[in-house]
C-alpha atoms as a PDB file:
ATOM      1  CA  MET A   1      -6.348   4.545  68.190  1.00  0.00           C
ATOM      2  CA  SER A   2      -7.477   8.169  68.399  1.00  0.00           C
ATOM      3  CA  ASP A   3      -5.327  10.974  67.032  1.00  0.00           C
ATOM      4  CA  PRO A   4      -3.541  12.973  69.787  1.00  0.00           C
ATOM      5  CA  PRO A   5      -4.932  16.519  70.090  1.00  0.00           C
ATOM      6  CA  VAL A   6      -1.496  18.082  69.553  1.00  0.00           C
ATOM      7  CA  GLY A   7      -1.127  16.191  66.277  1.00  0.00           C
ATOM      8  CA  ILE A   8      -4.525  17.385  65.081  1.00  0.00           C
ATOM      9  CA  LEU A   9      -3.654  20.974  65.967  1.00  0.00           C
ATOM     10  CA  ALA A  10      -0.283  20.742  64.220  1.00  0.00           C
ATOM     11  CA  ARG A  11      -1.860  19.456  61.005  1.00  0.00           C
ATOM     12  CA  SER A  12      -4.628  22.044  61.182  1.00  0.00           C
ATOM     13  CA  ALA A  13      -1.998  24.751  61.544  1.00  0.00           C
ATOM     14  CA  ALA A  14      -0.092  23.373  58.539  1.00  0.00           C
ATOM     15  CA  VAL A  15      -3.249  23.471  56.405  1.00  0.00           C
ATOM     16  CA  THR A  16      -4.253  27.005  57.416  1.00  0.00           C
ATOM     17  CA  GLU A  17      -0.712  28.323  56.954  1.00  0.00           C
ATOM     18  CA  LEU A  18      -0.569  26.744  53.495  1.00  0.00           C
ATOM     19  CA  LEU A  19      -3.887  28.339  52.514  1.00  0.00           C
ATOM     20  CA  ALA A  20      -2.722  31.687  53.886  1.00  0.00           C
ATOM     21  CA  ARG A  21       0.456  31.475  51.829  1.00  0.00           C
ATOM     22  CA  GLU A  22      -0.888  30.102  48.540  1.00  0.00           C
ATOM     23  CA  GLY A  23      -4.596  30.926  48.490  1.00  0.00           C
ATOM     24  CA  PRO A  24      -7.466  28.545  47.622  1.00  0.00           C
ATOM     25  CA  LEU A  25      -6.439  24.922  46.974  1.00  0.00           C
ATOM     26  CA  THR A  26      -8.159  21.602  46.474  1.00  0.00           C
ATOM     27  CA  PRO A  27      -7.762  18.921  49.148  1.00  0.00           C
ATOM     28  CA  ALA A  28      -5.615  17.004  46.652  1.00  0.00           C
ATOM     29  CA  ASP A  29      -3.296  20.017  46.287  1.00  0.00           C
ATOM     30  CA  ILE A  30      -3.091  20.357  50.072  1.00  0.00           C
ATOM     31  CA  SER A  31      -2.231  16.676  50.387  1.00  0.00           C
ATOM     32  CA  ASP A  32       0.526  16.970  47.768  1.00  0.00           C
ATOM     33  CA  ARG A  33       2.066  20.051  49.401  1.00  0.00           C
ATOM     34  CA  THR A  34       1.906  18.852  53.007  1.00  0.00           C
ATOM     35  CA  GLY A  35       2.435  15.129  52.566  1.00  0.00           C
ATOM     36  CA  MET A  36      -0.725  14.362  54.548  1.00  0.00           C
ATOM     37  CA  PRO A  37      -2.991  11.527  53.381  1.00  0.00           C
ATOM     38  CA  ARG A  38      -5.940  12.840  51.388  1.00  0.00           C
ATOM     39  CA  ALA A  39      -8.421  11.290  53.809  1.00  0.00           C
ATOM     40  CA  SER A  40      -6.830  13.237  56.666  1.00  0.00           C
ATOM     41  CA  VAL A  41      -6.936  16.462  54.661  1.00  0.00           C
ATOM     42  CA  TYR A  42     -10.638  15.995  53.875  1.00  0.00           C
ATOM     43  CA  ARG A  43     -11.393  15.452  57.566  1.00  0.00           C
ATOM     44  CA  LEU A  44      -9.389  18.527  58.601  1.00  0.00           C
ATOM     45  CA  VAL A  45     -10.989  20.726  55.944  1.00  0.00           C
ATOM     46  CA  ASP A  46     -14.450  19.583  57.001  1.00  0.00           C
ATOM     47  CA  ALA A  47     -13.663  20.275  60.668  1.00  0.00           C
ATOM     48  CA  LEU A  48     -12.212  23.720  59.906  1.00  0.00           C
ATOM     49  CA  GLY A  49     -15.271  24.516  57.808  1.00  0.00           C
ATOM     50  CA  THR A  50     -17.601  23.438  60.607  1.00  0.00           C
ATOM     51  CA  ILE A  51     -16.103  26.035  62.946  1.00  0.00           C
ATOM     52  CA  GLY A  52     -16.078  28.715  60.253  1.00  0.00           C
ATOM     53  CA  LEU A  53     -12.340  28.914  59.566  1.00  0.00           C
ATOM     54  CA  THR A  54     -12.482  27.714  55.952  1.00  0.00           C
ATOM     55  CA  GLU A  55     -15.067  27.965  53.188  1.00  0.00           C
ATOM     56  CA  PRO A  56     -15.633  26.148  49.876  1.00  0.00           C
ATOM     57  CA  ARG A  57     -14.745  27.718  46.558  1.00  0.00           C
ATOM     58  CA  SER A  58     -15.452  26.769  42.951  1.00  0.00           C
ATOM     59  CA  GLY A  59     -13.693  23.798  41.426  1.00  0.00           C
ATOM     60  CA  GLY A  60     -13.613  21.896  44.704  1.00  0.00           C
ATOM     61  CA  GLN A  61     -11.154  24.330  46.267  1.00  0.00           C
ATOM     62  CA  VAL A  62     -11.157  25.463  49.875  1.00  0.00           C
ATOM     63  CA  ALA A  63     -10.052  28.866  51.200  1.00  0.00           C
ATOM     64  CA  LEU A  64      -9.643  30.599  54.522  1.00  0.00           C
ATOM     65  CA  SER A  65     -12.833  32.325  55.626  1.00  0.00           C
ATOM     66  CA  LEU A  66     -13.308  36.014  56.386  1.00  0.00           C
ATOM     67  CA  ARG A  67     -13.396  35.124  60.077  1.00  0.00           C
ATOM     68  CA  TRP A  68      -9.593  35.252  59.966  1.00  0.00           C
ATOM     69  CA  LEU A  69      -9.811  39.016  59.397  1.00  0.00           C
ATOM     70  CA  ARG A  70     -11.428  39.456  62.803  1.00  0.00           C
ATOM     71  CA  LEU A  71      -8.964  37.092  64.433  1.00  0.00           C
ATOM     72  CA  GLY A  72      -6.087  38.932  62.787  1.00  0.00           C
ATOM     73  CA  ASP A  73      -7.361  42.312  63.975  1.00  0.00           C
ATOM     74  CA  ALA A  74      -7.671  40.976  67.531  1.00  0.00           C
ATOM     75  CA  ALA A  75      -4.139  39.565  67.461  1.00  0.00           C
ATOM     76  CA  SER A  76      -2.778  42.841  66.102  1.00  0.00           C
ATOM     77  CA  ALA A  77      -4.588  44.877  68.750  1.00  0.00           C
ATOM     78  CA  ALA A  78      -3.073  42.700  71.463  1.00  0.00           C
ATOM     79  CA  LEU A  79       0.438  43.899  70.528  1.00  0.00           C
ATOM     80  CA  GLN A  80       0.242  46.885  72.853  1.00  0.00           C
ATOM     81  CA  GLU A  81       3.957  47.676  72.642  1.00  0.00           C
ATOM     82  CA  TRP A  82       3.506  48.650  68.982  1.00  0.00           C
ATOM     83  CA  ALA A  83       0.469  50.887  69.488  1.00  0.00           C
ATOM     84  CA  GLY A  84       2.306  53.918  68.100  1.00  0.00           C
ATOM     85  CA  ALA A  85       4.044  52.119  65.247  1.00  0.00           C
ATOM     86  CA  ASP A  86       1.457  52.876  62.562  1.00  0.00           C
ATOM     87  CA  ALA A  87       2.151  56.612  62.603  1.00  0.00           C
ATOM     88  CA  VAL A  88       5.909  56.001  62.320  1.00  0.00           C
ATOM     89  CA  LEU A  89       5.439  53.599  59.411  1.00  0.00           C
ATOM     90  CA  GLN A  90       3.084  55.963  57.610  1.00  0.00           C
ATOM     91  CA  ASP A  91       5.617  58.773  57.931  1.00  0.00           C
ATOM     92  CA  LEU A  92       8.375  56.459  56.704  1.00  0.00           C
ATOM     93  CA  ALA A  93       6.315  55.458  53.658  1.00  0.00           C
ATOM     94  CA  ARG A  94       5.477  59.104  52.936  1.00  0.00           C
ATOM     95  CA  ARG A  95       9.092  60.281  53.158  1.00  0.00           C
ATOM     96  CA  THR A  96      10.498  57.467  51.015  1.00  0.00           C
ATOM     97  CA  GLY A  97       7.604  56.563  48.707  1.00  0.00           C
ATOM     98  CA  GLN A  98       8.289  52.901  49.543  1.00  0.00           C
ATOM     99  CA  THR A  99       6.213  50.384  51.497  1.00  0.00           C
ATOM    100  CA  ALA A 100       7.211  50.375  55.172  1.00  0.00           C
ATOM    101  CA  TYR A 101       7.128  47.298  57.402  1.00  0.00           C
ATOM    102  CA  LEU A 102       7.509  46.317  61.023  1.00  0.00           C
ATOM    103  CA  SER A 103       8.575  42.698  61.519  1.00  0.00           C
ATOM    104  CA  VAL A 104       9.379  40.736  64.668  1.00  0.00           C
ATOM    105  CA  PRO A 105      11.646  37.691  64.986  1.00  0.00           C
ATOM    106  CA  ARG A 106       9.672  34.489  65.489  1.00  0.00           C
ATOM    107  CA  GLY A 107      11.725  31.316  65.475  1.00  0.00           C
ATOM    108  CA  ASP A 108      13.600  31.112  62.195  1.00  0.00           C
ATOM    109  CA  GLU A 109      11.534  33.814  60.491  1.00  0.00           C
ATOM    110  CA  ALA A 110      10.814  37.534  60.540  1.00  0.00           C
ATOM    111  CA  LEU A 111       7.036  37.945  60.867  1.00  0.00           C
ATOM    112  CA  CYS A 112       5.461  41.139  59.519  1.00  0.00           C
ATOM    113  CA  ILE A 113       2.953  42.624  61.992  1.00  0.00           C
ATOM    114  CA  ARG A 114       2.420  46.147  60.598  1.00  0.00           C
ATOM    115  CA  TRP A 115       2.819  47.968  57.292  1.00  0.00           C
ATOM    116  CA  ALA A 116       2.160  51.256  55.535  1.00  0.00           C
ATOM    117  CA  GLN A 117       1.620  50.819  51.826  1.00  0.00           C
ATOM    118  CA  GLY A 118       3.783  52.538  49.257  1.00  0.00           C
ATOM    119  CA  SER A 119       3.868  52.713  45.476  1.00  0.00           C
ATOM    120  CA  GLY A 120       5.280  49.209  44.974  1.00  0.00           C
ATOM    121  CA  ILE A 121       2.484  47.376  46.741  1.00  0.00           C
ATOM    122  CA  GLY A 122       1.474  45.171  43.819  1.00  0.00           C
ATOM    123  CA  VAL A 123       4.812  43.370  43.490  1.00  0.00           C
ATOM    124  CA  LEU A 124       5.913  42.938  47.107  1.00  0.00           C
ATOM    125  CA  VAL A 125       5.808  39.580  48.878  1.00  0.00           C
ATOM    126  CA  LEU A 126       5.824  40.749  52.500  1.00  0.00           C
ATOM    127  CA  ARG A 127       2.646  41.974  54.216  1.00  0.00           C
ATOM    128  CA  PRO A 128       1.072  41.592  57.685  1.00  0.00           C
ATOM    129  CA  GLY A 129       0.783  37.947  58.671  1.00  0.00           C
ATOM    130  CA  ARG A 130       3.457  36.842  56.215  1.00  0.00           C
ATOM    131  CA  SER A 131       7.078  36.154  57.040  1.00  0.00           C
ATOM    132  CA  LEU A 132      10.543  35.973  55.558  1.00  0.00           C
ATOM    133  CA  PRO A 133      13.199  33.384  56.351  1.00  0.00           C
ATOM    134  CA  LEU A 134      16.182  34.787  58.222  1.00  0.00           C
ATOM    135  CA  HIS A 135      18.524  34.210  55.294  1.00  0.00           C
ATOM    136  CA  ALA A 136      16.565  36.403  52.861  1.00  0.00           C
ATOM    137  CA  GLY A 137      15.072  39.880  52.669  1.00  0.00           C
ATOM    138  CA  ALA A 138      15.946  43.046  54.559  1.00  0.00           C
ATOM    139  CA  ALA A 139      13.805  42.182  57.590  1.00  0.00           C
ATOM    140  CA  GLY A 140      14.957  38.571  57.666  1.00  0.00           C
ATOM    141  CA  ARG A 141      18.671  39.304  57.405  1.00  0.00           C
ATOM    142  CA  LEU A 142      18.412  42.204  59.870  1.00  0.00           C
ATOM    143  CA  CYS A 143      16.952  39.768  62.413  1.00  0.00           C
ATOM    144  CA  LEU A 144      19.686  37.281  61.525  1.00  0.00           C
ATOM    145  CA  ALA A 145      22.367  39.885  62.247  1.00  0.00           C
ATOM    146  CA  TYR A 146      21.088  40.291  65.810  1.00  0.00           C
ATOM    147  CA  ARG A 147      20.322  36.629  66.498  1.00  0.00           C
ATOM    148  CA  GLY A 148      21.926  35.184  69.615  1.00  0.00           C
ATOM    149  CA  ASP A 149      22.377  31.567  68.502  1.00  0.00           C
ATOM    150  CA  LEU A 150      23.747  32.452  65.077  1.00  0.00           C
ATOM    151  CA  ALA A 151      26.093  29.469  64.872  1.00  0.00           C
ATOM    152  CA  GLY A 152      23.279  27.021  65.534  1.00  0.00           C
ATOM    153  CA  LEU A 153      21.137  28.450  62.741  1.00  0.00           C
ATOM    154  CA  LEU A 154      23.960  28.660  60.205  1.00  0.00           C
ATOM    155  CA  ALA A 155      24.849  25.041  60.894  1.00  0.00           C
ATOM    156  CA  ARG A 156      21.736  24.200  58.856  1.00  0.00           C
ATOM    157  CA  ALA A 157      23.077  25.923  55.738  1.00  0.00           C
ATOM    158  CA  PRO A 158      22.841  25.863  52.772  1.00  0.00           C
ATOM    159  CA  PHE A 159      19.360  27.399  52.760  1.00  0.00           C
ATOM    160  CA  PRO A 160      16.806  27.427  49.919  1.00  0.00           C
ATOM    161  CA  ARG A 161      17.593  29.751  47.027  1.00  0.00           C
ATOM    162  CA  LEU A 162      14.647  32.053  46.266  1.00  0.00           C
ATOM    163  CA  THR A 163      16.322  33.932  43.402  1.00  0.00           C
ATOM    164  CA  PRO A 164      19.806  33.816  41.846  1.00  0.00           C
ATOM    165  CA  ARG A 165      20.833  36.511  44.369  1.00  0.00           C
ATOM    166  CA  THR A 166      19.731  34.739  47.562  1.00  0.00           C
ATOM    167  CA  LEU A 167      22.512  34.181  50.093  1.00  0.00           C
ATOM    168  CA  THR A 168      22.443  30.496  50.998  1.00  0.00           C
ATOM    169  CA  THR A 169      25.781  29.440  52.529  1.00  0.00           C
ATOM    170  CA  ALA A 170      27.031  30.011  56.066  1.00  0.00           C
ATOM    171  CA  GLU A 171      30.046  31.902  54.722  1.00  0.00           C
ATOM    172  CA  GLU A 172      27.897  34.315  52.679  1.00  0.00           C
ATOM    173  CA  LEU A 173      25.548  34.945  55.577  1.00  0.00           C
ATOM    174  CA  LEU A 174      28.323  35.455  58.128  1.00  0.00           C
ATOM    175  CA  ALA A 175      29.876  38.077  55.850  1.00  0.00           C
ATOM    176  CA  ASP A 176      26.472  39.738  55.432  1.00  0.00           C
ATOM    177  CA  VAL A 177      25.928  39.795  59.222  1.00  0.00           C
ATOM    178  CA  ALA A 178      29.244  41.593  59.699  1.00  0.00           C
ATOM    179  CA  GLU A 179      28.430  44.105  56.953  1.00  0.00           C
ATOM    180  CA  THR A 180      24.936  44.736  58.314  1.00  0.00           C
ATOM    181  CA  ARG A 181      26.206  45.377  61.839  1.00  0.00           C
ATOM    182  CA  ALA A 182      29.001  47.667  60.581  1.00  0.00           C
ATOM    183  CA  ARG A 183      26.729  49.562  58.177  1.00  0.00           C
ATOM    184  CA  GLY A 184      23.818  49.880  60.587  1.00  0.00           C
ATOM    185  CA  TYR A 185      21.185  48.510  58.197  1.00  0.00           C
ATOM    186  CA  SER A 186      20.550  45.482  55.988  1.00  0.00           C
ATOM    187  CA  ILE A 187      20.317  45.543  52.204  1.00  0.00           C
ATOM    188  CA  SER A 188      18.119  43.191  50.189  1.00  0.00           C
ATOM    189  CA  ASP A 189      18.926  43.384  46.498  1.00  0.00           C
ATOM    190  CA  GLN A 190      16.516  41.111  44.616  1.00  0.00           C
ATOM    191  CA  ASP A 191      17.236  38.151  46.905  1.00  0.00           C
ATOM    192  CA  VAL A 192      13.526  37.424  47.593  1.00  0.00           C
ATOM    193  CA  THR A 193      11.863  38.684  44.398  1.00  0.00           C
ATOM    194  CA  GLN A 194      13.651  39.698  41.225  1.00  0.00           C
ATOM    195  CA  GLY A 195      13.372  43.443  40.647  1.00  0.00           C
ATOM    196  CA  ILE A 196      12.599  44.212  44.311  1.00  0.00           C
ATOM    197  CA  GLY A 197      14.959  45.805  46.827  1.00  0.00           C
ATOM    198  CA  ALA A 198      14.658  46.643  50.511  1.00  0.00           C
ATOM    199  CA  LEU A 199      16.501  48.131  53.483  1.00  0.00           C
ATOM    200  CA  GLY A 200      16.089  47.177  57.150  1.00  0.00           C
ATOM    201  CA  ALA A 201      17.104  48.708  60.498  1.00  0.00           C
ATOM    202  CA  ALA A 202      17.041  47.425  64.073  1.00  0.00           C
ATOM    203  CA  VAL A 203      14.454  48.434  66.671  1.00  0.00           C
ATOM    204  CA  LEU A 204      16.033  47.881  70.086  1.00  0.00           C
ATOM    205  CA  ASP A 205      14.321  47.486  73.440  1.00  0.00           C
ATOM    206  CA  GLY A 206      15.381  48.929  76.800  1.00  0.00           C
ATOM    207  CA  ASN A 207      18.105  46.281  77.113  1.00  0.00           C
ATOM    208  CA  ASP A 208      19.507  47.135  73.678  1.00  0.00           C
ATOM    209  CA  GLU A 209      18.296  43.795  72.355  1.00  0.00           C
ATOM    210  CA  LEU A 210      16.494  43.372  69.046  1.00  0.00           C
ATOM    211  CA  ALA A 211      12.733  43.790  69.375  1.00  0.00           C
ATOM    212  CA  ALA A 212      11.860  44.202  65.689  1.00  0.00           C
ATOM    213  CA  ALA A 213      13.071  45.145  62.243  1.00  0.00           C
ATOM    214  CA  VAL A 214      11.698  48.209  60.496  1.00  0.00           C
ATOM    215  CA  SER A 215      12.160  48.078  56.750  1.00  0.00           C
ATOM    216  CA  ILE A 216      11.164  49.600  53.433  1.00  0.00           C
ATOM    217  CA  GLY A 217      10.717  47.812  50.121  1.00  0.00           C
ATOM    218  CA  GLY A 218      10.067  48.735  46.514  1.00  0.00           C
ATOM    219  CA  LEU A 219      11.575  48.546  43.056  1.00  0.00           C
ATOM    220  CA  ALA A 220      15.278  47.694  43.303  1.00  0.00           C
ATOM    221  CA  VAL A 221      16.297  50.555  41.022  1.00  0.00           C
ATOM    222  CA  ASP A 222      14.539  53.084  43.269  1.00  0.00           C
ATOM    223  CA  VAL A 223      15.940  51.650  46.505  1.00  0.00           C
ATOM    224  CA  ASP A 224      19.471  51.507  45.084  1.00  0.00           C
ATOM    225  CA  ARG A 225      19.327  55.033  43.645  1.00  0.00           C
ATOM    226  CA  ASP A 226      18.258  56.666  46.924  1.00  0.00           C
ATOM    227  CA  ARG A 227      19.859  54.186  49.329  1.00  0.00           C
ATOM    228  CA  LEU A 228      21.770  56.676  51.455  1.00  0.00           C
ATOM    229  CA  ARG A 229      18.816  59.031  51.865  1.00  0.00           C
ATOM    230  CA  PHE A 230      16.466  56.142  52.559  1.00  0.00           C
ATOM    231  CA  ALA A 231      18.884  54.717  55.116  1.00  0.00           C
ATOM    232  CA  GLY A 232      18.860  57.995  57.011  1.00  0.00           C
ATOM    233  CA  VAL A 233      15.068  58.175  57.058  1.00  0.00           C
ATOM    234  CA  LEU A 234      14.935  54.521  58.098  1.00  0.00           C
ATOM    235  CA  ALA A 235      17.355  55.187  60.966  1.00  0.00           C
ATOM    236  CA  ASP A 236      15.047  57.979  62.202  1.00  0.00           C
ATOM    237  CA  ALA A 237      12.076  55.598  62.173  1.00  0.00           C
ATOM    238  CA  ALA A 238      14.044  52.915  64.022  1.00  0.00           C
ATOM    239  CA  ALA A 239      15.094  55.447  66.655  1.00  0.00           C
ATOM    240  CA  GLN A 240      11.475  56.560  67.159  1.00  0.00           C
ATOM    241  CA  LEU A 241      10.242  52.994  67.528  1.00  0.00           C
ATOM    242  CA  SER A 242      13.074  52.115  69.911  1.00  0.00           C
ATOM    243  CA  ALA A 243      12.325  55.173  72.032  1.00  0.00           C
ATOM    244  CA  GLY A 244       8.679  54.103  72.254  1.00  0.00           C
ATOM    245  CA  LEU A 245       9.727  50.783  73.796  1.00  0.00           C
ATOM    246  CA  ARG A 246      11.864  52.502  76.430  1.00  0.00           C
ATOM    247  CA  ARG A 247       9.153  54.802  77.784  1.00  0.00           C
END
């Protein structure tokens, strides 16, 4: 019996997302991490290589090909509503010295679509094409605070703990949502990566609904020391981005 096309696409997506997240892996590693039979992984890797989406590496590993750079650029260019975001993010990074991000809610994650690099680039997890779960990180928990079906998501708690400071229970996250909405910005204090802190603010569309999260991230000691000043600069950036959506 032939494999349904949707099933093939779903497994191909799982393999490419794994390679994007973890880098080059052997087919055996891919099988272990995805639960797919090794024979299926070998067939998928061969097929992806045939169309130029993966390439072999030393030690029997496979990696995503450079073709993804072109595909990523095309996908980014298609986001016309964020055409002016780069200048805002660059100004935000310049004024704070931290890396600035623009992330959009996608399902149960906050997906980064733009950034402007700051001084902490070497130790930060988030970057374009990567995402954060909604229970962790400034962008993730900002999106959580504005999520419509909050009760449905929190019913799945407890969530995975990324560091000792990750909020995992429904009670912790409900309290954080209330604090974020009252404060006007989210605070990530080493809940994704130890030693890293971040702040996030809401970008609202013409209906005052969440369109994106703009955030900054860097060393936790720097973010904590200048939190109030950073929050003000972040609010300015969020206001500029929101205004751009309402034109």
